[in-house]
PDB file of N, CA and C in Angstrom:
ATOM      1  N   MET A   1       0.507  -1.391  -0.128  1.00  0.00           N
ATOM      2  CA  MET A   1       0.564   0.134  -0.011  1.00  0.00           C
ATOM      3  C   MET A   1       0.935   1.186   0.022  1.00  0.00           C
ATOM      4  N   GLY A   2       2.281   1.641   0.846  1.00  0.00           N
ATOM      5  CA  GLY A   2       3.278   2.409   0.515  1.00  0.00           C
ATOM      6  C   GLY A   2       3.350   3.675  -0.914  1.00  0.00           C
ATOM      7  N   ASN A   3       3.249   1.628  -1.028  1.00  0.00           N
ATOM      8  CA  ASN A   3       4.072   2.718  -2.721  1.00  0.00           C
ATOM      9  C   ASN A   3       3.568   3.244  -3.682  1.00  0.00           C
ATOM     10  N   LEU A   4       1.953   2.537  -3.483  1.00  0.00           N
ATOM     11  CA  LEU A   4       1.027   2.673  -3.760  1.00  0.00           C
ATOM     12  C   LEU A   4       0.837   4.080  -3.798  1.00  0.00           C
ATOM     13  N   GLU A   5       1.002   4.773  -2.303  1.00  0.00           N
ATOM     14  CA  GLU A   5       0.038   6.364  -2.093  1.00  0.00           C
ATOM     15  C   GLU A   5       1.956   6.660  -2.342  1.00  0.00           C
ATOM     16  N   ASN A   6       3.134   5.806  -2.729  1.00  0.00           N
ATOM     17  CA  ASN A   6       3.845   6.933  -2.865  1.00  0.00           C
ATOM     18  C   ASN A   6       4.388   6.872  -4.167  1.00  0.00           C
ATOM     19  N   THR A   7       2.850   6.204  -5.174  1.00  0.00           N
ATOM     20  CA  THR A   7       3.125   7.148  -6.785  1.00  0.00           C
ATOM     21  C   THR A   7       1.712   8.309  -7.142  1.00  0.00           C
ATOM     22  N   GLN A   8       1.012   7.791  -6.312  1.00  0.00           N
ATOM     23  CA  GLN A   8       0.298   8.545  -5.739  1.00  0.00           C
ATOM     24  C   GLN A   8       0.740  10.124  -6.267  1.00  0.00           C
ATOM     25  N   ALA A   9       1.597  10.495  -5.046  1.00  0.00           N
ATOM     26  CA  ALA A   9       1.660  11.472  -3.938  1.00  0.00           C
ATOM     27  C   ALA A   9       2.574  12.087  -5.537  1.00  0.00           C
ATOM     28  N   ARG A  10       3.960  11.401  -6.174  1.00  0.00           N
ATOM     29  CA  ARG A  10       4.229  11.753  -6.677  1.00  0.00           C
ATOM     30  C   ARG A  10       3.713  12.479  -8.424  1.00  0.00           C
ATOM     31  N   LYS A  11       4.155  13.532  -8.399  1.00  0.00           N
ATOM     32  CA  LYS A  11       3.226  14.022  -9.843  1.00  0.00           C
ATOM     33  C   LYS A  11       4.309  14.443 -10.239  1.00  0.00           C
ATOM     34  N   GLU A  12       4.403  13.583 -11.090  1.00  0.00           N
ATOM     35  CA  GLU A  12       6.050  14.438 -12.465  1.00  0.00           C
ATOM     36  C   GLU A  12       5.044  15.199 -13.146  1.00  0.00           C
ATOM     37  N   PRO A  13       6.063  16.176 -14.033  1.00  0.00           N
ATOM     38  CA  PRO A  13       5.271  16.521 -15.306  1.00  0.00           C
ATOM     39  C   PRO A  13       5.239  15.480 -16.409  1.00  0.00           C
ATOM     40  N   ILE A  14       4.105  15.805 -17.903  1.00  0.00           N
ATOM     41  CA  ILE A  14       4.574  15.532 -18.474  1.00  0.00           C
ATOM     42  C   ILE A  14       4.502  16.031 -19.590  1.00  0.00           C
ATOM     43  N   THR A  15       5.511  15.576 -20.950  1.00  0.00           N
ATOM     44  CA  THR A  15       6.068  17.065 -21.883  1.00  0.00           C
ATOM     45  C   THR A  15       5.209  15.891 -23.123  1.00  0.00           C
ATOM     46  N   PHE A  16       4.702  16.128 -24.427  1.00  0.00           N
ATOM     47  CA  PHE A  16       4.265  15.674 -24.774  1.00  0.00           C
ATOM     48  C   PHE A  16       5.093  16.746 -26.005  1.00  0.00           C
ATOM     49  N   THR A  17       5.309  15.920 -26.775  1.00  0.00           N
ATOM     50  CA  THR A  17       6.716  16.313 -27.823  1.00  0.00           C
ATOM     51  C   THR A  17       5.895  16.221 -29.263  1.00  0.00           C
ATOM     52  N   GLY A  18       5.778  16.843 -30.296  1.00  0.00           N
ATOM     53  CA  GLY A  18       6.110  16.691 -32.037  1.00  0.00           C
ATOM     54  C   GLY A  18       6.427  17.147 -32.965  1.00  0.00           C
ATOM     55  N   ARG A  19       6.101  17.115 -34.230  1.00  0.00           N
ATOM     56  CA  ARG A  19       6.999  17.480 -34.887  1.00  0.00           C
ATOM     57  C   ARG A  19       6.587  19.488 -35.202  1.00  0.00           C
ATOM     58  N   THR A  20       5.023  19.600 -34.826  1.00  0.00           N
ATOM     59  CA  THR A  20       5.275  21.229 -34.733  1.00  0.00           C
ATOM     60  C   THR A  20       4.585  21.100 -33.459  1.00  0.00           C
ATOM     61  N   ARG A  21       3.787  22.445 -32.841  1.00  0.00           N
ATOM     62  CA  ARG A  21       2.594  23.131 -32.129  1.00  0.00           C
ATOM     63  C   ARG A  21       1.822  22.705 -32.121  1.00  0.00           C
ATOM     64  N   SER A  22       1.331  22.449 -33.364  1.00  0.00           N
ATOM     65  CA  SER A  22       0.056  21.776 -33.003  1.00  0.00           C
ATOM     66  C   SER A  22      -0.212  20.183 -33.282  1.00  0.00           C
ATOM     67  N   ASP A  23       1.119  19.520 -33.484  1.00  0.00           N
ATOM     68  CA  ASP A  23       1.199  17.868 -32.896  1.00  0.00           C
ATOM     69  C   ASP A  23       1.092  17.611 -31.656  1.00  0.00           C
ATOM     70  N   ALA A  24       2.252  18.297 -30.535  1.00  0.00           N
ATOM     71  CA  ALA A  24       2.413  18.791 -28.955  1.00  0.00           C
ATOM     72  C   ALA A  24       1.336  18.797 -28.307  1.00  0.00           C
ATOM     73  N   LYS A  25      -0.220  19.736 -28.991  1.00  0.00           N
ATOM     74  CA  LYS A  25      -1.325  20.268 -28.337  1.00  0.00           C
ATOM     75  C   LYS A  25      -2.268  19.147 -29.119  1.00  0.00           C
ATOM     76  N   ARG A  26      -1.890  18.498 -30.046  1.00  0.00           N
ATOM     77  CA  ARG A  26      -3.059  17.353 -30.191  1.00  0.00           C
ATOM     78  C   ARG A  26      -2.730  16.136 -29.734  1.00  0.00           C
ATOM     79  N   LYS A  27      -1.694  16.193 -29.239  1.00  0.00           N
ATOM     80  CA  LYS A  27      -1.331  14.634 -28.170  1.00  0.00           C
ATOM     81  C   LYS A  27      -1.483  15.062 -26.745  1.00  0.00           C
ATOM     82  N   ALA A  28      -1.627  15.635 -26.112  1.00  0.00           N
ATOM     83  CA  ALA A  28      -1.690  16.797 -24.740  1.00  0.00           C
ATOM     84  C   ALA A  28      -3.756  17.271 -24.808  1.00  0.00           C
ATOM     85  N   LEU A  29      -4.239  17.095 -26.344  1.00  0.00           N
ATOM     86  CA  LEU A  29      -5.126  17.229 -25.411  1.00  0.00           C
ATOM     87  C   LEU A  29      -6.339  15.607 -25.801  1.00  0.00           C
ATOM     88  N   ASN A  30      -4.939  14.799 -26.760  1.00  0.00           N
ATOM     89  CA  ASN A  30      -5.421  13.205 -26.297  1.00  0.00           C
ATOM     90  C   ASN A  30      -5.221  12.951 -25.073  1.00  0.00           C
ATOM     91  N   TYR A  31      -4.126  13.281 -24.511  1.00  0.00           N
ATOM     92  CA  TYR A  31      -4.027  12.358 -22.780  1.00  0.00           C
ATOM     93  C   TYR A  31      -5.405  12.884 -22.334  1.00  0.00           C
ATOM     94  N   TRP A  32      -5.480  13.856 -22.014  1.00  0.00           N
ATOM     95  CA  TRP A  32      -6.503  14.651 -20.640  1.00  0.00           C
ATOM     96  C   TRP A  32      -7.970  13.272 -21.398  1.00  0.00           C
ATOM     97  N   TYR A  33      -8.576  13.583 -23.063  1.00  0.00           N
ATOM     98  CA  TYR A  33      -9.509  13.385 -23.709  1.00  0.00           C
ATOM     99  C   TYR A  33     -10.192  10.860 -22.863  1.00  0.00           C
ATOM    100  N   MET A  34      -7.952  11.042 -22.830  1.00  0.00           N
ATOM    101  CA  MET A  34      -8.021   9.737 -22.390  1.00  0.00           C
ATOM    102  C   MET A  34      -8.454   9.532 -20.966  1.00  0.00           C
ATOM    103  N   ASN A  35      -7.561   9.868 -20.118  1.00  0.00           N
ATOM    104  CA  ASN A  35      -8.100  10.503 -19.044  1.00  0.00           C
ATOM    105  C   ASN A  35      -8.379  11.537 -18.453  1.00  0.00           C
ATOM    106  N   GLN A  36      -9.553  11.857 -18.557  1.00  0.00           N
ATOM    107  CA  GLN A  36     -10.894  12.776 -18.209  1.00  0.00           C
ATOM    108  C   GLN A  36     -10.926  12.760 -16.842  1.00  0.00           C
ATOM    109  N   THR A  37     -11.819  11.227 -16.662  1.00  0.00           N
ATOM    110  CA  THR A  37     -11.795  11.256 -15.589  1.00  0.00           C
ATOM    111  C   THR A  37     -11.022  10.584 -14.561  1.00  0.00           C
ATOM    112  N   THR A  38     -10.010  10.026 -15.177  1.00  0.00           N
ATOM    113  CA  THR A  38      -8.297  10.030 -13.314  1.00  0.00           C
ATOM    114  C   THR A  38      -7.992  11.955 -13.311  1.00  0.00           C
ATOM    115  N   LEU A  39      -7.681  12.034 -14.374  1.00  0.00           N
ATOM    116  CA  LEU A  39      -7.653  13.735 -13.720  1.00  0.00           C
ATOM    117  C   LEU A  39      -9.004  14.469 -13.051  1.00  0.00           C
ATOM    118  N   ALA A  40      -9.708  14.153 -12.914  1.00  0.00           N
ATOM    119  CA  ALA A  40     -10.724  14.618 -12.679  1.00  0.00           C
ATOM    120  C   ALA A  40      -9.904  16.261 -12.981  1.00  0.00           C
ATOM    121  N   MET A  41     -11.208  17.166 -14.491  1.00  0.00           N
ATOM    122  CA  MET A  41     -10.514  18.500 -14.319  1.00  0.00           C
ATOM    123  C   MET A  41     -11.359  18.436 -15.961  1.00  0.00           C
ATOM    124  N   SER A  42     -11.602  19.904 -15.965  1.00  0.00           N
ATOM    125  CA  SER A  42     -12.046  20.035 -16.988  1.00  0.00           C
ATOM    126  C   SER A  42     -11.421  20.539 -18.335  1.00  0.00           C
ATOM    127  N   ILE A  43     -11.456  21.198 -20.041  1.00  0.00           N
ATOM    128  CA  ILE A  43     -10.441  20.861 -20.097  1.00  0.00           C
ATOM    129  C   ILE A  43      -9.597  22.170 -20.285  1.00  0.00           C
ATOM    130  N   ARG A  44     -10.267  23.141 -19.378  1.00  0.00           N
ATOM    131  CA  ARG A  44     -10.163  24.720 -19.114  1.00  0.00           C
ATOM    132  C   ARG A  44      -8.794  24.697 -18.351  1.00  0.00           C
ATOM    133  N   GLU A  45      -9.409  23.581 -16.596  1.00  0.00           N
ATOM    134  CA  GLU A  45      -7.903  23.395 -15.713  1.00  0.00           C
ATOM    135  C   GLU A  45      -6.990  23.023 -16.681  1.00  0.00           C
ATOM    136  N   PHE A  46      -7.224  21.798 -17.332  1.00  0.00           N
ATOM    137  CA  PHE A  46      -5.979  21.006 -17.859  1.00  0.00           C
ATOM    138  C   PHE A  46      -5.230  21.475 -18.765  1.00  0.00           C
ATOM    139  N   SER A  47      -5.649  22.799 -19.264  1.00  0.00           N
ATOM    140  CA  SER A  47      -5.147  23.881 -20.038  1.00  0.00           C
ATOM    141  C   SER A  47      -4.330  24.933 -19.564  1.00  0.00           C
ATOM    142  N   ALA A  48      -5.035  25.423 -18.689  1.00  0.00           N
ATOM    143  CA  ALA A  48      -3.868  26.769 -17.545  1.00  0.00           C
ATOM    144  C   ALA A  48      -3.071  25.555 -17.240  1.00  0.00           C
ATOM    145  N   ARG A  49      -3.200  24.379 -16.508  1.00  0.00           N
ATOM    146  CA  ARG A  49      -1.949  23.905 -16.234  1.00  0.00           C
ATOM    147  C   ARG A  49      -0.536  23.092 -17.708  1.00  0.00           C
ATOM    148  N   LEU A  50      -1.139  23.040 -18.855  1.00  0.00           N
ATOM    149  CA  LEU A  50       0.141  23.477 -19.488  1.00  0.00           C
ATOM    150  C   LEU A  50       1.581  24.651 -19.921  1.00  0.00           C
ATOM    151  N   VAL A  51       2.283  24.217 -20.632  1.00  0.00           N
ATOM    152  CA  VAL A  51       3.096  24.905 -20.934  1.00  0.00           C
ATOM    153  C   VAL A  51       3.832  24.460 -21.829  1.00  0.00           C
ATOM    154  N   LEU A  52       3.991  25.540 -22.735  1.00  0.00           N
ATOM    155  CA  LEU A  52       4.714  25.455 -24.109  1.00  0.00           C
ATOM    156  C   LEU A  52       5.712  25.731 -24.413  1.00  0.00           C
ATOM    157  N   LEU A  53       6.862  25.136 -23.951  1.00  0.00           N
ATOM    158  CA  LEU A  53       8.779  25.246 -23.790  1.00  0.00           C
ATOM    159  C   LEU A  53       9.189  25.994 -25.128  1.00  0.00           C
ATOM    160  N   PRO A  54       9.581  26.235 -24.681  1.00  0.00           N
ATOM    161  CA  PRO A  54      10.555  27.423 -25.780  1.00  0.00           C
ATOM    162  C   PRO A  54      10.736  27.151 -27.092  1.00  0.00           C
ATOM    163  N   ASP A  55      11.121  25.521 -27.567  1.00  0.00           N
ATOM    164  CA  ASP A  55      11.422  25.366 -29.034  1.00  0.00           C
ATOM    165  C   ASP A  55      10.131  24.958 -29.938  1.00  0.00           C
ATOM    166  N   GLY A  56       8.988  25.530 -29.071  1.00  0.00           N
ATOM    167  CA  GLY A  56       8.224  25.674 -30.293  1.00  0.00           C
ATOM    168  C   GLY A  56       7.282  24.236 -30.485  1.00  0.00           C
ATOM    169  N   LYS A  57       8.133  22.954 -29.646  1.00  0.00           N
ATOM    170  CA  LYS A  57       7.373  21.508 -30.662  1.00  0.00           C
ATOM    171  C   LYS A  57       7.273  20.868 -29.532  1.00  0.00           C
ATOM    172  N   SER A  58       7.591  21.643 -27.971  1.00  0.00           N
ATOM    173  CA  SER A  58       6.812  20.770 -26.641  1.00  0.00           C
ATOM    174  C   SER A  58       5.719  21.631 -25.449  1.00  0.00           C
ATOM    175  N   ILE A  59       5.784  21.524 -25.041  1.00  0.00           N
ATOM    176  CA  ILE A  59       4.299  21.392 -24.310  1.00  0.00           C
ATOM    177  C   ILE A  59       4.563  19.764 -22.517  1.00  0.00           C
ATOM    178  N   VAL A  60       4.547  20.658 -21.559  1.00  0.00           N
ATOM    179  CA  VAL A  60       3.956  20.527 -20.088  1.00  0.00           C
ATOM    180  C   VAL A  60       3.420  20.341 -19.290  1.00  0.00           C
ATOM    181  N   PHE A  61       2.638  19.329 -19.230  1.00  0.00           N
ATOM    182  CA  PHE A  61       1.957  19.674 -18.130  1.00  0.00           C
ATOM    183  C   PHE A  61       2.388  18.903 -16.684  1.00  0.00           C
ATOM    184  N   TYR A  62       1.332  20.672 -15.781  1.00  0.00           N
ATOM    185  CA  TYR A  62       2.164  20.281 -14.606  1.00  0.00           C
ATOM    186  C   TYR A  62       0.683  19.870 -13.792  1.00  0.00           C
ATOM    187  N   GLU A  63       1.326  18.756 -12.830  1.00  0.00           N
ATOM    188  CA  GLU A  63      -0.467  18.012 -12.580  1.00  0.00           C
ATOM    189  C   GLU A  63      -0.856  19.921 -11.097  1.00  0.00           C
ATOM    190  N   ASN A  64       0.360  20.013 -10.358  1.00  0.00           N
ATOM    191  CA  ASN A  64      -0.323  21.315  -9.313  1.00  0.00           C
ATOM    192  C   ASN A  64      -0.178  22.350 -10.435  1.00  0.00           C
ATOM    193  N   PRO A  65      -1.301  23.456 -10.109  1.00  0.00           N
ATOM    194  CA  PRO A  65      -1.195  24.410 -10.887  1.00  0.00           C
ATOM    195  C   PRO A  65       0.114  25.930 -10.930  1.00  0.00           C
ATOM    196  N   VAL A  66       0.619  25.660 -12.036  1.00  0.00           N
ATOM    197  CA  VAL A  66       1.826  26.661 -12.414  1.00  0.00           C
ATOM    198  C   VAL A  66       1.375  27.769 -11.651  1.00  0.00           C
ATOM    199  N   ALA A  67       2.530  28.536 -10.753  1.00  0.00           N
ATOM    200  CA  ALA A  67       2.212  30.161 -10.364  1.00  0.00           C
ATOM    201  C   ALA A  67       2.432  31.349 -11.241  1.00  0.00           C
TER     202      ALA A  67
END
């Protein structure tokens, strides 16, 4: 049981990388769609936690809101 709790407590960022910004965005939205029940957040809440990296081809999702 301790391992499960540690896994759930550790929320590392998820990076979506694509050939273009649109491709990365499509991957992020697909992730939300496939996991929306587990994530328990609206698309608006999910989008607010996405950060586009300077390379323009990667998007990072942070489980906790970015300040």
